[in-house]
């Protein structure tokens, strides 16, 4: 699992996602409660303090002392090796995109052999004694001194190398074998609503991940902390329990209040209209270009499952899909993938091919897609900007207003399926999965107990209970290849996005007016400066969040946003 695999949100097999494979670096953060700087009576004082911290952080990362002598030679030798390894991973990104978008069905066996050969080559390079020696020489020569970028490159090179060489060959082989076995078993079990047939394989996968953590994690690091860190760098079970505990306590009553309100009414043209695929594609390309997606270094295609791939930042490829009866899925799916793509296209080209260039974590990558999807694409202002083009492509909607579209894209309803969930209820699907994984790896529950616990928690969190395991514990592909610790990144991304959005509205003059006019460049440039170009400079997402907003992740900002937005939409008191 490597961050240079340029395949992100939307693809159904989590092992293809854009994440870093590296040794665990624990970051223990304060569990103290923080007031919301956006609503506190001391807002002006807090803003001055947080703005000062953000500015100081940005000045610090800009500083750099040039290298000379042995330090320079050692650093250049290291970066040369790292760039070659990065290029190999970029090749994998391209052939994976081709496999999912263009490759003829009859080529699957040959492509499998090609990817296996490439994976073997990458593994040999990533675990070579020569690479380890080059890292050690750069460390001992002091190449990291005087520059935060070099320090991060060497830090992450060491982290990745340690993680690669610690994994025994027999466990790596077992991982590949169980991944294939697990996926096949899951597909059949889901189709037949047969949990009993999948449970034994899942038990093997849990045992394997525990065994891998024992071999690869730093001393004293729990198995679940190790797994969380593979997707959400620097995250721990303790910190996540704090975040999701507050989210659960504060958001469940808000969800219950909104779901009890009278449902929103929508124009028939939106609910039951037919939207030609070609018209959807034209509109989605207009939206992509308006957001700033560079078609000179990227492309938009169709695929069964929307995803972002390629070998960015110079080659970023996004896909979406079209359904003539559900146009909004294509539109919001495109906005989401363009958000991912803008992150990739905005990565620091001065650090090209080096670990520090890549995305910090799955949660931060998701924050960039959700920033655009939820805080731009689901806003009234966005639909004011896009209304003329929407009417031009779908003339049958000429009587539909921007407010109609805003209400349509923000309707809320409790459901069984995570991927179909709306903005308001989605996070509780993730909290459920986190609580089950935490208990499973903590030895508090068994695999056999998961279906019943799933139903209990669905009732607690959303007030609905799935009648089958296909609609419950078997719905997601993630556990079928042992991707435990993955789910939290989705909701962490939503909360980071909310906090980044709040800060952007403070710092960008006339933010809402810019969106309403379709002038997204200042917003994209703000994200590029604060987040995209910074890459993996910081050791954790909380530290990046503090550098950008002046505070680590604060769930209360997210809850307040949802409460205010949906209370107004549904006409209920906050």
Protein backbone atom coordinates (compact mmCIF):
# COMPACT_ATOMS: atom_id res chain seq x y z
CA UNK A 1 0.00 0.00 0.00
CA UNK A 2 1.79 3.12 -1.19
CA UNK A 3 0.91 6.75 -1.49
CA UNK A 4 2.36 6.96 -4.99
CA UNK A 5 -0.37 4.66 -6.26
CA UNK A 6 -2.50 7.40 -7.71
CA UNK A 7 -5.87 5.80 -7.11
CA UNK A 8 -8.11 7.41 -4.54
CA UNK A 9 -11.69 7.78 -3.41
CA UNK A 10 -14.40 5.82 -5.12
CA UNK A 11 -12.64 2.64 -6.17
CA UNK A 12 -14.17 -0.39 -4.47
CA UNK A 13 -10.96 -2.22 -3.57
CA UNK A 14 -9.31 -0.37 -0.70
CA UNK A 15 -5.91 -1.91 -1.33
CA UNK A 16 -5.73 0.33 -4.41
CA UNK A 17 -6.13 3.50 -2.43
CA UNK A 18 -3.56 6.27 -2.19
CA UNK A 19 -1.95 5.67 1.21
CA UNK A 20 1.54 5.53 2.66
CA UNK A 21 3.18 2.25 3.63
CA UNK A 22 5.51 3.01 6.47
CA UNK A 23 6.53 2.36 10.04
CA UNK A 24 4.35 3.81 12.74
CA UNK A 25 5.14 7.21 14.12
CA UNK A 26 3.02 7.81 17.17
CA UNK A 27 1.77 11.31 17.84
CA UNK A 28 -0.06 11.63 21.14
CA UNK A 29 -2.20 14.75 21.13
CA UNK A 30 -3.91 16.63 23.90
CA UNK A 31 -7.33 15.30 24.84
CA UNK A 32 -8.42 18.64 26.30
CA UNK A 33 -11.71 20.14 25.15
CA UNK A 34 -11.36 23.23 22.97
CA UNK A 35 -13.89 25.99 22.47
CA UNK A 36 -15.03 26.56 18.91
CA UNK A 37 -13.14 29.65 17.68
CA UNK A 38 -15.91 30.33 15.19
CA UNK A 39 -18.59 30.82 17.83
CA UNK A 40 -16.74 31.78 20.99
CA UNK A 41 -17.33 35.18 22.55
CA UNK A 42 -13.56 35.61 22.37
CA UNK A 43 -13.52 35.03 18.60
CA UNK A 44 -11.37 38.05 17.75
CA UNK A 45 -8.71 37.14 20.30
CA UNK A 46 -8.72 33.49 19.22
CA UNK A 47 -8.50 34.45 15.56
CA UNK A 48 -5.48 36.69 16.17
CA UNK A 49 -3.77 33.88 18.03
CA UNK A 50 -4.56 31.17 15.48
CA UNK A 51 -3.67 33.42 12.55
CA UNK A 52 -0.33 34.19 14.16
CA UNK A 53 0.41 30.48 14.69
CA UNK A 54 -0.56 29.69 11.09
CA UNK A 55 1.61 32.48 9.69
CA UNK A 56 4.58 31.50 11.86
CA UNK A 57 4.26 27.89 10.74
CA UNK A 58 4.22 28.85 7.07
CA UNK A 59 7.29 31.08 7.51
CA UNK A 60 9.16 28.26 9.25
CA UNK A 61 8.63 25.75 6.45
CA UNK A 62 9.79 28.25 3.84
CA UNK A 63 13.22 28.59 5.49
CA UNK A 64 16.03 26.41 4.13
CA UNK A 65 19.82 26.32 4.52
CA UNK A 66 21.68 24.98 1.43
CA UNK A 67 23.76 21.83 1.74
CA UNK A 68 27.43 21.36 0.99
CA UNK A 69 30.10 18.68 1.24
CA UNK A 70 29.23 15.17 2.41
CA UNK A 71 25.73 16.20 3.42
CA UNK A 72 24.95 17.40 -0.10
CA UNK A 73 26.44 14.32 -1.75
CA UNK A 74 24.55 11.95 0.56
CA UNK A 75 21.24 13.76 0.07
CA UNK A 76 21.57 13.78 -3.71
CA UNK A 77 22.35 10.05 -3.68
CA UNK A 78 19.26 9.40 -1.58
CA UNK A 79 16.90 11.51 -3.67
CA UNK A 80 18.16 9.85 -6.84
CA UNK A 81 17.12 6.44 -5.51
CA UNK A 82 13.82 7.70 -4.16
CA UNK A 83 12.87 9.31 -7.48
CA UNK A 84 13.51 6.08 -9.37
CA UNK A 85 11.34 4.18 -6.91
CA UNK A 86 8.65 6.83 -7.30
CA UNK A 87 8.73 6.46 -11.08
CA UNK A 88 8.12 2.73 -10.75
CA UNK A 89 5.08 3.41 -8.59
CA UNK A 90 3.88 5.97 -11.12
CA UNK A 91 4.00 3.29 -13.81
CA UNK A 92 1.79 1.15 -11.61
CA UNK A 93 -0.62 4.08 -11.33
CA UNK A 94 -0.90 4.35 -15.11
CA UNK A 95 -1.42 0.65 -15.80
CA UNK A 96 -3.97 0.46 -13.00
CA UNK A 97 -5.91 3.34 -14.56
CA UNK A 98 -5.73 1.58 -17.91
CA UNK A 99 -6.98 -1.64 -16.34
CA UNK A 100 -10.03 0.11 -14.92
CA UNK A 101 -10.86 2.37 -17.86
CA UNK A 102 -9.45 1.19 -21.20
CA UNK A 103 -8.07 -2.35 -21.03
CA UNK A 104 -9.92 -5.05 -23.00
CA UNK A 105 -11.31 -7.88 -20.89
CA UNK A 106 -9.12 -10.45 -22.57
CA UNK A 107 -5.97 -8.74 -21.31
CA UNK A 108 -6.65 -9.30 -17.61
CA UNK A 109 -4.36 -12.31 -17.21
CA UNK A 110 -1.47 -10.58 -18.96
CA UNK A 111 -2.03 -7.42 -16.92
CA UNK A 112 -1.93 -9.46 -13.74
CA UNK A 113 1.46 -10.86 -14.72
CA UNK A 114 2.71 -7.37 -15.59
CA UNK A 115 1.61 -5.95 -12.24
CA UNK A 116 3.11 -8.88 -10.36
CA UNK A 117 6.45 -8.37 -12.10
CA UNK A 118 6.35 -4.64 -11.38
CA UNK A 119 5.42 -5.24 -7.73
CA UNK A 120 8.37 -7.58 -7.35
CA UNK A 121 10.70 -4.97 -8.82
CA UNK A 122 9.32 -2.25 -6.55
CA UNK A 123 9.69 -4.49 -3.50
CA UNK A 124 13.30 -5.29 -4.38
CA UNK A 125 14.11 -1.59 -4.73
CA UNK A 126 12.20 -0.57 -1.61
CA UNK A 127 13.89 -3.19 0.58
CA UNK A 128 17.38 -3.13 -0.91
CA UNK A 129 20.35 -2.91 1.43
CA UNK A 130 21.71 -0.16 -0.82
CA UNK A 131 18.68 2.04 -0.12
CA UNK A 132 18.97 1.42 3.61
CA UNK A 133 22.65 2.34 3.54
CA UNK A 134 21.94 5.50 1.54
CA UNK A 135 19.36 6.60 4.12
CA UNK A 136 21.79 5.93 6.97
CA UNK A 137 24.56 7.93 5.28
CA UNK A 138 22.23 10.90 4.74
CA UNK A 139 21.14 10.73 8.37
CA UNK A 140 24.68 10.58 9.75
CA UNK A 141 25.92 13.32 7.39
CA UNK A 142 23.35 15.76 8.78
CA UNK A 143 21.56 16.22 5.47
CA UNK A 144 18.29 16.90 7.30
CA UNK A 145 19.64 19.91 9.19
CA UNK A 146 18.57 23.40 8.21
CA UNK A 147 15.62 22.49 5.99
CA UNK A 148 12.19 21.11 6.96
CA UNK A 149 11.71 19.65 3.47
CA UNK A 150 14.90 17.59 3.60
CA UNK A 151 14.10 16.58 7.16
CA UNK A 152 10.70 15.26 6.05
CA UNK A 153 12.18 13.43 3.05
CA UNK A 154 14.71 11.59 5.20
CA UNK A 155 12.15 10.95 7.97
CA UNK A 156 9.69 9.37 5.53
CA UNK A 157 12.36 7.47 3.61
CA UNK A 158 13.40 5.86 6.89
CA UNK A 159 9.80 5.23 7.90
CA UNK A 160 8.94 3.57 4.57
CA UNK A 161 12.13 1.52 4.50
CA UNK A 162 11.73 0.22 8.04
CA UNK A 163 8.16 -0.80 7.37
CA UNK A 164 9.11 -2.59 4.15
CA UNK A 165 12.03 -4.58 5.55
CA UNK A 166 10.28 -5.53 8.79
CA UNK A 167 7.56 -7.46 6.98
CA UNK A 168 8.63 -11.12 6.60
CA UNK A 169 8.32 -12.57 3.10
CA UNK A 170 5.99 -15.31 4.31
CA UNK A 171 3.55 -12.75 5.74
CA UNK A 172 3.61 -10.75 2.53
CA UNK A 173 2.80 -13.90 0.56
CA UNK A 174 0.06 -14.79 3.03
CA UNK A 175 -1.38 -11.28 2.69
CA UNK A 176 -1.67 -11.67 -1.08
CA UNK A 177 -3.22 -15.12 -0.75
CA UNK A 178 -5.75 -14.10 1.90
CA UNK A 179 -6.62 -10.91 0.03
CA UNK A 180 -7.71 -12.89 -3.01
CA UNK A 181 -9.44 -15.52 -0.86
CA UNK A 182 -11.20 -12.88 1.23
CA UNK A 183 -12.52 -10.90 -1.73
CA UNK A 184 -13.89 -14.01 -3.42
CA UNK A 185 -15.54 -15.18 -0.19
CA UNK A 186 -17.03 -11.74 0.43
CA UNK A 187 -18.54 -11.45 -3.06
CA UNK A 188 -20.31 -14.79 -2.64
CA UNK A 189 -21.38 -14.13 0.95
CA UNK A 190 -22.78 -10.70 0.10
CA UNK A 191 -24.70 -12.06 -2.88
CA UNK A 192 -26.18 -14.92 -0.85
CA UNK A 193 -26.60 -13.06 2.47
CA UNK A 194 -24.37 -15.73 4.01
CA UNK A 195 -22.31 -14.31 6.87
CA UNK A 196 -21.34 -17.77 8.12
CA UNK A 197 -19.37 -18.48 4.94
CA UNK A 198 -17.34 -15.26 5.22
CA UNK A 199 -16.71 -15.25 8.99
CA UNK A 200 -13.90 -17.87 9.00
CA UNK A 201 -11.94 -15.94 6.35
CA UNK A 202 -12.43 -12.72 8.29
CA UNK A 203 -11.03 -14.41 11.40
CA UNK A 204 -7.93 -15.33 9.38
CA UNK A 205 -7.58 -11.74 8.18
CA UNK A 206 -7.83 -10.35 11.71
CA UNK A 207 -5.19 -12.81 12.88
CA UNK A 208 -2.94 -11.90 9.94
CA UNK A 209 -3.14 -8.16 10.65
CA UNK A 210 -2.29 -8.79 14.30
CA UNK A 211 0.67 -10.88 13.22
CA UNK A 212 1.84 -8.19 10.79
CA UNK A 213 1.54 -5.52 13.47
CA UNK A 214 3.61 -7.64 15.86
CA UNK A 215 6.33 -7.89 13.21
CA UNK A 216 6.29 -4.31 11.90
CA UNK A 217 5.05 -1.93 14.59
CA UNK A 218 7.36 -0.05 16.93
CA UNK A 219 7.63 -1.51 20.47
CA UNK A 220 4.59 -0.80 22.60
CA UNK A 221 2.33 0.11 19.65
CA UNK A 222 -0.96 -1.78 19.58
CA UNK A 223 -2.13 -3.65 16.50
CA UNK A 224 -5.01 -1.26 15.90
CA UNK A 225 -2.82 1.83 16.29
CA UNK A 226 -0.47 0.33 13.72
CA UNK A 227 -3.35 -0.28 11.30
CA UNK A 228 -4.84 3.18 11.80
CA UNK A 229 -1.49 4.77 11.06
CA UNK A 230 -1.26 2.97 7.73
CA UNK A 231 -4.16 5.08 6.50
CA UNK A 232 -4.24 8.06 8.85
CA UNK A 233 -0.71 8.99 9.68
CA UNK A 234 -0.06 9.83 13.32
CA UNK A 235 -3.56 8.78 14.38
CA UNK A 236 -4.07 6.59 17.44
CA UNK A 237 -7.04 4.76 18.89
CA UNK A 238 -6.93 7.08 21.91
CA UNK A 239 -7.15 10.25 19.82
CA UNK A 240 -9.79 8.78 17.52
CA UNK A 241 -11.89 7.66 20.47
CA UNK A 242 -11.81 11.26 21.71
CA UNK A 243 -12.83 12.66 18.32
CA UNK A 244 -15.54 10.14 17.49
CA UNK A 245 -16.81 10.05 21.06
CA UNK A 246 -17.55 13.77 20.92
CA UNK A 247 -19.00 13.44 17.43
CA UNK A 248 -21.32 10.62 18.50
CA UNK A 249 -22.54 12.41 21.61
CA UNK A 250 -23.27 15.71 19.88
CA UNK A 251 -24.42 14.64 16.42
CA UNK A 252 -26.83 11.77 17.16
CA UNK A 253 -29.45 14.15 18.68
CA UNK A 254 -29.09 16.51 15.71
CA UNK A 255 -29.66 13.65 13.27
CA UNK A 256 -32.72 12.47 15.20
CA UNK A 257 -34.15 16.00 15.18
CA UNK A 258 -33.72 16.46 11.44
CA UNK A 259 -35.01 13.02 10.51
CA UNK A 260 -38.15 13.66 12.55
CA UNK A 261 -38.88 16.84 10.58
CA UNK A 262 -41.11 17.06 7.52
CA UNK A 263 -39.23 15.81 4.42
CA UNK A 264 -38.19 18.37 1.81
CA UNK A 265 -40.30 18.70 -1.33
CA UNK A 266 -38.59 18.71 -4.75
CA UNK A 267 -39.64 19.61 -8.31
CA UNK A 268 -40.73 16.61 -10.44
CA UNK A 269 -38.15 17.64 -13.05
CA UNK A 270 -35.40 16.75 -10.57
CA UNK A 271 -36.99 13.72 -8.95
CA UNK A 272 -38.31 11.90 -12.01
CA UNK A 273 -36.72 13.56 -15.01
CA UNK A 274 -34.46 11.93 -17.59
CA UNK A 275 -30.99 13.40 -18.03
CA UNK A 276 -29.12 12.38 -21.17
CA UNK A 277 -25.64 10.99 -20.52
CA UNK A 278 -24.00 13.25 -23.11
CA UNK A 279 -25.58 16.31 -21.48
CA UNK A 280 -24.40 15.15 -18.06
CA UNK A 281 -20.89 14.69 -19.40
CA UNK A 282 -20.86 18.17 -20.94
CA UNK A 283 -22.07 19.70 -17.68
CA UNK A 284 -19.54 17.75 -15.61
CA UNK A 285 -16.69 18.90 -17.86
CA UNK A 286 -17.87 22.49 -17.46
CA UNK A 287 -17.91 22.09 -13.67
CA UNK A 288 -14.43 20.50 -13.72
CA UNK A 289 -12.95 23.30 -15.79
CA UNK A 290 -14.65 25.96 -13.64
CA UNK A 291 -13.11 24.44 -10.50
CA UNK A 292 -9.67 24.70 -12.07
CA UNK A 293 -8.96 21.14 -13.15
CA UNK A 294 -6.09 21.32 -15.64
CA UNK A 295 -7.04 19.24 -18.67
CA UNK A 296 -3.52 19.81 -20.01
CA UNK A 297 -2.17 17.49 -17.30
CA UNK A 298 -5.34 15.53 -16.64
CA UNK A 299 -8.36 13.87 -18.19
CA UNK A 300 -11.94 12.91 -17.36
CA UNK A 301 -13.26 9.50 -18.43
CA UNK A 302 -16.01 7.03 -17.58
CA UNK A 303 -15.63 3.96 -15.39
CA UNK A 304 -17.82 1.57 -13.42
CA UNK A 305 -16.59 3.09 -10.16
CA UNK A 306 -15.45 6.76 -10.04
CA UNK A 307 -11.84 7.23 -8.94
CA UNK A 308 -8.79 9.45 -9.24
CA UNK A 309 -5.66 7.86 -10.66
CA UNK A 310 -2.64 8.44 -12.86
CA UNK A 311 0.84 9.58 -11.89
CA UNK A 312 0.32 13.13 -10.60
CA UNK A 313 0.93 15.97 -10.34
CA UNK A 314 1.86 15.90 -14.04
CA UNK A 315 -0.68 13.24 -15.05
CA UNK A 316 -3.92 13.13 -13.05
CA UNK A 317 -6.82 11.07 -14.36
CA UNK A 318 -10.34 11.14 -12.97
CA UNK A 319 -13.44 9.15 -13.84
CA UNK A 320 -17.14 9.35 -13.15
CA UNK A 321 -20.25 7.46 -14.24
CA UNK A 322 -23.64 8.54 -15.56
CA UNK A 323 -27.18 7.37 -14.86
CA UNK A 324 -29.92 9.07 -16.86
CA UNK A 325 -32.32 8.95 -13.92
CA UNK A 326 -29.90 10.14 -11.20
CA UNK A 327 -27.95 13.11 -12.57
CA UNK A 328 -26.77 14.42 -9.19
CA UNK A 329 -24.62 11.34 -8.56
CA UNK A 330 -22.53 12.17 -11.63
CA UNK A 331 -22.28 15.86 -10.76
CA UNK A 332 -21.30 15.41 -7.13
CA UNK A 333 -19.10 12.45 -8.02
CA UNK A 334 -17.24 14.66 -10.49
CA UNK A 335 -16.90 17.51 -8.00
CA UNK A 336 -15.56 15.00 -5.47
CA UNK A 337 -12.99 13.52 -7.84
CA UNK A 338 -11.91 16.94 -9.08
CA UNK A 339 -11.27 17.86 -5.45
CA UNK A 340 -8.91 14.87 -5.21
CA UNK A 341 -7.38 15.80 -8.55
CA UNK A 342 -6.74 19.43 -7.60
CA UNK A 343 -4.82 18.16 -4.58
CA UNK A 344 -2.71 15.94 -6.84
CA UNK A 345 -2.15 18.69 -9.42
CA UNK A 346 -1.20 21.10 -6.63
CA UNK A 347 1.48 18.92 -5.04
CA UNK A 348 4.88 20.58 -4.71
CA UNK A 349 6.70 20.11 -8.01
CA UNK A 350 9.99 21.23 -6.44
CA UNK A 351 9.84 18.00 -4.39
CA UNK A 352 8.80 15.84 -7.33
CA UNK A 353 9.27 12.13 -6.77
CA UNK A 354 10.17 12.53 -3.10
CA UNK A 355 8.16 11.25 -0.11
CA UNK A 356 7.44 14.75 1.19
CA UNK A 357 5.54 15.59 -2.01
CA UNK A 358 2.85 13.00 -1.52
CA UNK A 359 -0.48 13.41 0.23
CA UNK A 360 -0.22 13.36 4.02
CA UNK A 361 -3.00 10.85 4.71
CA UNK A 362 -6.23 9.40 3.40
CA UNK A 363 -8.16 11.77 5.67
CA UNK A 364 -6.41 14.84 4.27
CA UNK A 365 -6.91 13.60 0.71
CA UNK A 366 -10.57 13.07 1.50
CA UNK A 367 -10.76 16.52 3.05
CA UNK A 368 -9.84 18.06 -0.28
CA UNK A 369 -12.52 16.19 -2.21
CA UNK A 370 -15.14 16.91 0.47
CA UNK A 371 -14.13 20.57 0.73
CA UNK A 372 -15.29 20.97 -2.87
CA UNK A 373 -18.18 18.52 -2.75
CA UNK A 374 -19.85 19.53 0.50
CA UNK A 375 -18.80 23.10 1.13
CA UNK A 376 -18.76 24.33 -2.47
CA UNK A 377 -20.82 21.89 -4.58
CA UNK A 378 -23.61 21.53 -2.02
CA UNK A 379 -23.90 25.27 -1.38
CA UNK A 380 -26.59 27.64 -2.63
CA UNK A 381 -23.89 29.86 -4.13
CA UNK A 382 -22.49 27.05 -6.29
CA UNK A 383 -25.85 26.37 -7.86
CA UNK A 384 -26.39 30.07 -8.52
CA UNK A 385 -23.15 30.03 -10.47
CA UNK A 386 -23.95 26.81 -12.34
CA UNK A 387 -27.65 27.41 -13.02
CA UNK A 388 -27.30 28.91 -16.55
CA UNK A 389 -25.10 26.03 -17.71
CA UNK A 390 -27.41 23.53 -16.01
CA UNK A 391 -30.42 24.92 -17.86
CA UNK A 392 -28.48 24.98 -21.13
CA UNK A 393 -27.66 21.26 -20.85
CA UNK A 394 -31.02 20.24 -19.39
CA UNK A 395 -33.65 22.58 -20.92
CA UNK A 396 -36.45 20.56 -19.36
CA UNK A 397 -35.35 22.02 -15.99
CA UNK A 398 -35.89 25.66 -17.05
CA UNK A 399 -38.25 26.25 -14.13
CA UNK A 400 -35.88 24.77 -11.55
CA UNK A 401 -34.16 27.36 -9.36
CA UNK A 402 -30.78 27.38 -7.64
CA UNK A 403 -32.62 27.00 -4.33
CA UNK A 404 -34.43 23.92 -5.69
CA UNK A 405 -31.09 22.36 -6.59
CA UNK A 406 -29.61 23.30 -3.21
CA UNK A 407 -32.47 21.60 -1.38
CA UNK A 408 -32.33 18.58 -3.69
CA UNK A 409 -28.63 17.92 -3.18
CA UNK A 410 -28.94 18.27 0.60
CA UNK A 411 -31.90 16.03 1.40
CA UNK A 412 -31.33 13.79 4.43
CA UNK A 413 -32.61 10.30 5.16
CA UNK A 414 -31.48 7.42 7.36
CA UNK A 415 -30.46 4.36 5.36
CA UNK A 416 -28.62 1.07 5.70
CA UNK A 417 -25.87 1.61 3.11
CA UNK A 418 -22.83 3.76 3.87
CA UNK A 419 -21.98 4.68 0.27
CA UNK A 420 -25.55 5.93 -0.29
CA UNK A 421 -25.64 8.00 2.90
CA UNK A 422 -26.06 11.77 2.87
CA UNK A 423 -23.85 14.39 4.48
CA UNK A 424 -25.82 14.46 7.73
CA UNK A 425 -25.91 10.72 8.46
CA UNK A 426 -22.73 9.43 6.79
CA UNK A 427 -20.41 9.90 9.75
CA UNK A 428 -22.45 7.60 11.98
CA UNK A 429 -21.86 4.74 9.53
CA UNK A 430 -18.15 5.33 10.04
CA UNK A 431 -18.40 5.63 13.82
CA UNK A 432 -20.18 2.25 13.87
CA UNK A 433 -17.37 0.58 11.92
CA UNK A 434 -14.68 2.18 14.06
CA UNK A 435 -16.33 1.01 17.28
CA UNK A 436 -16.57 -2.55 15.96
CA UNK A 437 -12.97 -2.62 14.74
CA UNK A 438 -11.69 -1.17 18.00
CA UNK A 439 -13.55 -3.84 19.99
CA UNK A 440 -12.46 -6.60 17.61
CA UNK A 441 -8.75 -5.78 17.84
CA UNK A 442 -9.05 -5.05 21.54
CA UNK A 443 -10.28 -8.58 22.16
CA UNK A 444 -13.66 -7.41 23.47
CA UNK A 445 -15.79 -8.99 20.75
CA UNK A 446 -15.46 -11.93 18.37
CA UNK A 447 -16.04 -12.07 14.63
CA UNK A 448 -19.15 -14.17 15.27
CA UNK A 449 -20.73 -11.32 17.27
CA UNK A 450 -20.33 -8.65 14.57
CA UNK A 451 -23.72 -9.03 12.78
CA UNK A 452 -25.77 -8.61 15.97
CA UNK A 453 -23.60 -5.74 17.20
CA UNK A 454 -23.98 -4.08 13.80
CA UNK A 455 -27.75 -4.11 14.09
CA UNK A 456 -27.66 -2.81 17.66
CA UNK A 457 -25.43 0.11 16.74
CA UNK A 458 -27.50 1.00 13.65
CA UNK A 459 -30.50 1.33 15.95
CA UNK A 460 -28.53 3.46 18.42
CA UNK A 461 -26.99 5.79 15.86
CA UNK A 462 -29.54 6.10 13.06
CA UNK A 463 -32.73 4.48 14.30
CA UNK A 464 -32.89 1.89 11.51
CA UNK A 465 -32.06 -1.84 11.52
CA UNK A 466 -31.07 -3.83 8.40
CA UNK A 467 -33.08 -7.01 7.89
CA UNK A 468 -30.19 -8.84 6.21
CA UNK A 469 -26.43 -9.03 6.63
CA UNK A 470 -26.06 -8.02 2.98
CA UNK A 471 -27.54 -4.67 3.99
CA UNK A 472 -25.48 -4.70 7.18
CA UNK A 473 -22.14 -6.18 8.09
CA UNK A 474 -21.47 -7.59 4.59
CA UNK A 475 -22.05 -4.39 2.63
CA UNK A 476 -18.44 -3.09 2.44
CA UNK A 477 -15.50 -4.61 0.58
CA UNK A 478 -12.85 -3.21 2.94
CA UNK A 479 -12.64 -6.04 5.47
CA UNK A 480 -12.36 -8.64 2.71
CA UNK A 481 -8.68 -7.81 2.21
CA UNK A 482 -8.00 -6.83 5.80
CA UNK A 483 -8.22 -3.05 5.39
CA UNK A 484 -8.98 -2.47 9.06
CA UNK A 485 -8.45 1.13 10.17
CA UNK A 486 -9.48 2.52 6.81
CA UNK A 487 -13.03 3.70 7.53
CA UNK A 488 -12.20 6.53 9.98
CA UNK A 489 -10.41 8.46 7.23
CA UNK A 490 -13.71 9.16 5.48
CA UNK A 491 -15.22 11.06 8.39
CA UNK A 492 -11.94 12.59 9.52
CA UNK A 493 -11.74 14.00 6.00
CA UNK A 494 -15.20 15.53 6.33
CA UNK A 495 -14.27 17.19 9.62
CA UNK A 496 -10.91 18.48 8.35
CA UNK A 497 -12.72 19.87 5.31
CA UNK A 498 -15.19 21.71 7.54
CA UNK A 499 -12.44 23.26 9.63
CA UNK A 500 -10.44 24.24 6.52
CA UNK A 501 -13.57 25.75 4.98
CA UNK A 502 -14.28 27.81 8.09
CA UNK A 503 -10.71 29.17 7.99
CA UNK A 504 -10.84 29.85 4.26
CA UNK A 505 -14.03 31.91 4.71
CA UNK A 506 -12.20 34.00 7.31
CA UNK A 507 -9.14 34.59 5.16
CA UNK A 508 -10.60 34.95 1.64
CA UNK A 509 -12.52 38.20 1.20
CA UNK A 510 -15.98 37.71 -0.25
CA UNK A 511 -15.76 33.90 -0.21
CA UNK A 512 -19.48 33.30 -0.79
CA UNK A 513 -19.68 35.96 -3.49
CA UNK A 514 -16.75 34.36 -5.34
CA UNK A 515 -18.53 30.99 -5.32
CA UNK A 516 -21.79 32.55 -6.49
CA UNK A 517 -19.92 34.15 -9.39
CA UNK A 518 -18.16 30.90 -10.28
CA UNK A 519 -14.78 32.44 -9.50
CA UNK A 520 -13.04 29.54 -7.78
CA UNK A 521 -9.41 30.46 -8.45
CA UNK A 522 -8.76 32.31 -5.15
CA UNK A 523 -10.19 29.34 -3.23
CA UNK A 524 -8.15 26.80 -5.16
CA UNK A 525 -5.02 28.91 -4.70
CA UNK A 526 -5.63 29.14 -0.94
CA UNK A 527 -5.87 25.35 -0.72
CA UNK A 528 -2.80 24.99 -2.91
CA UNK A 529 -0.72 27.22 -0.69
CA UNK A 530 -1.94 25.93 2.66
CA UNK A 531 -2.41 22.21 1.98
CA UNK A 532 -1.59 20.88 -1.50
CA UNK A 533 1.96 22.19 -1.81
CA UNK A 534 2.80 21.24 1.78
CA UNK A 535 2.34 17.52 1.05
CA UNK A 536 3.66 15.33 3.88
CA UNK A 537 5.81 17.96 5.52
CA UNK A 538 4.00 17.55 8.85
CA UNK A 539 4.13 14.23 10.73
CA UNK A 540 0.36 14.08 11.26
CA UNK A 541 -2.89 15.52 9.98
CA UNK A 542 -3.58 17.17 13.35
CA UNK A 543 -0.33 19.09 13.02
CA UNK A 544 -1.18 20.18 9.47
CA UNK A 545 -4.64 21.22 10.68
CA UNK A 546 -3.09 23.31 13.44
CA UNK A 547 -0.68 24.94 10.98
CA UNK A 548 -3.56 25.87 8.65
CA UNK A 549 -6.32 26.75 11.12
CA UNK A 550 -4.49 27.41 14.38
CA UNK A 551 -5.94 24.35 16.16
CA UNK A 552 -5.97 20.55 15.82
CA UNK A 553 -9.15 18.89 14.59
CA UNK A 554 -12.17 20.08 16.55
CA UNK A 555 -15.34 17.97 16.02
CA UNK A 556 -17.57 20.67 17.46
CA UNK A 557 -16.99 22.84 14.38
CA UNK A 558 -18.36 20.05 12.17
CA UNK A 559 -21.36 19.36 14.40
CA UNK A 560 -22.24 23.05 14.58
CA UNK A 561 -22.06 23.34 10.80
CA UNK A 562 -24.42 20.40 10.29
CA UNK A 563 -26.83 21.58 12.97
CA UNK A 564 -27.03 25.09 11.56
CA UNK A 565 -27.31 24.03 7.93
CA UNK A 566 -29.88 21.27 8.30
CA UNK A 567 -31.96 23.04 10.93
CA UNK A 568 -32.39 25.92 8.48
CA UNK A 569 -33.14 23.58 5.58
CA UNK A 570 -35.76 21.62 7.49
CA UNK A 571 -37.23 24.56 9.39
CA UNK A 572 -36.48 23.37 12.91
CA UNK A 573 -34.85 25.15 15.83
CA UNK A 574 -31.07 24.84 16.30
